[in-house]
């Protein structure tokens, strides 16, 4: 039996207090525990993808795989349509 437990009621209350639609997915890797709220709703991801990307960047920098002071040119071939500074 797993020593982990997902606090489902606390998460339901947290989402209930949001002014708008709330969607949530929680899992405990290797334990088979999963919990979701509004899993069938479609949400615009907006800039949320930046969170795990920047977390990985900082991890790679801490482990010496990336030098954060190095400048990188983003070529037109590597750009996608969006609404941020890379749009222009």
Protein backbone atom coordinates (compact mmCIF):
# COMPACT_ATOMS: atom_id res chain seq x y z
CA UNK A 1 0.00 0.00 0.00
CA UNK A 2 1.21 3.48 -0.82
CA UNK A 3 2.42 5.82 1.89
CA UNK A 4 1.25 8.75 -0.23
CA UNK A 5 -2.27 10.13 -0.35
CA UNK A 6 -3.62 12.87 -2.58
CA UNK A 7 -5.53 15.48 -0.52
CA UNK A 8 -8.58 15.36 -2.79
CA UNK A 9 -10.98 17.33 -0.58
CA UNK A 10 -8.47 20.14 -0.03
CA UNK A 11 -7.86 20.32 -3.79
CA UNK A 12 -11.61 20.41 -4.48
CA UNK A 13 -11.98 23.30 -2.02
CA UNK A 14 -9.05 25.13 -3.58
CA UNK A 15 -10.57 24.88 -7.05
CA UNK A 16 -14.01 25.83 -5.74
CA UNK A 17 -12.53 29.10 -4.51
CA UNK A 18 -11.26 30.09 -7.96
CA UNK A 19 -13.21 32.78 -9.79
CA UNK A 20 -13.51 30.98 -13.13
CA UNK A 21 -12.95 27.51 -14.48
CA UNK A 22 -10.40 25.35 -12.73
CA UNK A 23 -8.79 22.21 -14.06
CA UNK A 24 -6.34 20.08 -12.15
CA UNK A 25 -4.46 16.82 -12.62
CA UNK A 26 -2.31 15.31 -9.89
CA UNK A 27 -0.40 12.05 -9.98
CA UNK A 28 2.16 10.34 -7.79
CA UNK A 29 4.65 8.68 -10.18
CA UNK A 30 5.27 5.03 -9.45
CA UNK A 31 2.34 4.83 -7.03
CA UNK A 32 -0.55 4.73 -9.48
CA UNK A 33 -2.35 7.50 -7.60
CA UNK A 34 -4.23 9.99 -9.78
CA UNK A 35 -6.77 12.71 -9.17
CA UNK A 36 -8.35 15.22 -11.53
CA UNK A 37 -10.92 17.97 -11.64
CA UNK A 38 -12.58 18.96 -14.93
CA UNK A 39 -10.31 16.60 -16.86
CA UNK A 40 -12.58 16.78 -19.91
CA UNK A 41 -12.55 20.57 -20.19
CA UNK A 42 -10.29 22.25 -22.73
CA UNK A 43 -8.10 25.03 -21.36
CA UNK A 44 -5.84 27.43 -23.23
CA UNK A 45 -2.34 26.62 -22.06
CA UNK A 46 -1.14 30.21 -22.63
CA UNK A 47 2.34 30.58 -21.17
CA UNK A 48 2.14 27.72 -18.68
CA UNK A 49 4.55 25.67 -20.82
CA UNK A 50 7.27 28.11 -19.77
CA UNK A 51 7.18 26.86 -16.17
CA UNK A 52 8.59 23.33 -16.74
CA UNK A 53 10.88 24.62 -19.49
CA UNK A 54 12.50 27.23 -17.24
CA UNK A 55 12.65 24.75 -14.34
CA UNK A 56 14.60 22.35 -16.56
CA UNK A 57 16.85 25.18 -17.76
CA UNK A 58 17.74 26.08 -14.17
CA UNK A 59 18.32 22.41 -13.33
CA UNK A 60 20.63 22.02 -16.34
CA UNK A 61 22.48 25.21 -15.33
CA UNK A 62 22.90 23.98 -11.76
CA UNK A 63 24.34 20.72 -13.09
CA UNK A 64 26.73 22.50 -15.47
CA UNK A 65 25.08 21.53 -18.75
CA UNK A 66 24.01 25.09 -19.62
CA UNK A 67 25.72 28.44 -19.16
CA UNK A 68 23.04 31.04 -18.42
CA UNK A 69 25.38 33.89 -19.41
CA UNK A 70 25.74 32.52 -22.95
CA UNK A 71 23.65 34.34 -25.54
CA UNK A 72 21.57 32.22 -27.92
CA UNK A 73 20.13 33.48 -31.21
CA UNK A 74 16.59 32.30 -31.91
CA UNK A 75 16.48 31.84 -35.67
CA UNK A 76 13.28 32.34 -37.67
CA UNK A 77 13.16 28.57 -38.31
CA UNK A 78 12.80 27.99 -34.56
CA UNK A 79 9.93 30.42 -34.03
CA UNK A 80 6.27 29.55 -33.82
CA UNK A 81 3.17 31.72 -33.86
CA UNK A 82 2.39 33.12 -30.45
CA UNK A 83 1.52 36.29 -28.65
CA UNK A 84 4.76 37.07 -26.84
CA UNK A 85 8.01 38.78 -27.74
CA UNK A 86 8.99 36.04 -30.20
CA UNK A 87 6.00 36.94 -32.39
CA UNK A 88 7.79 39.80 -34.13
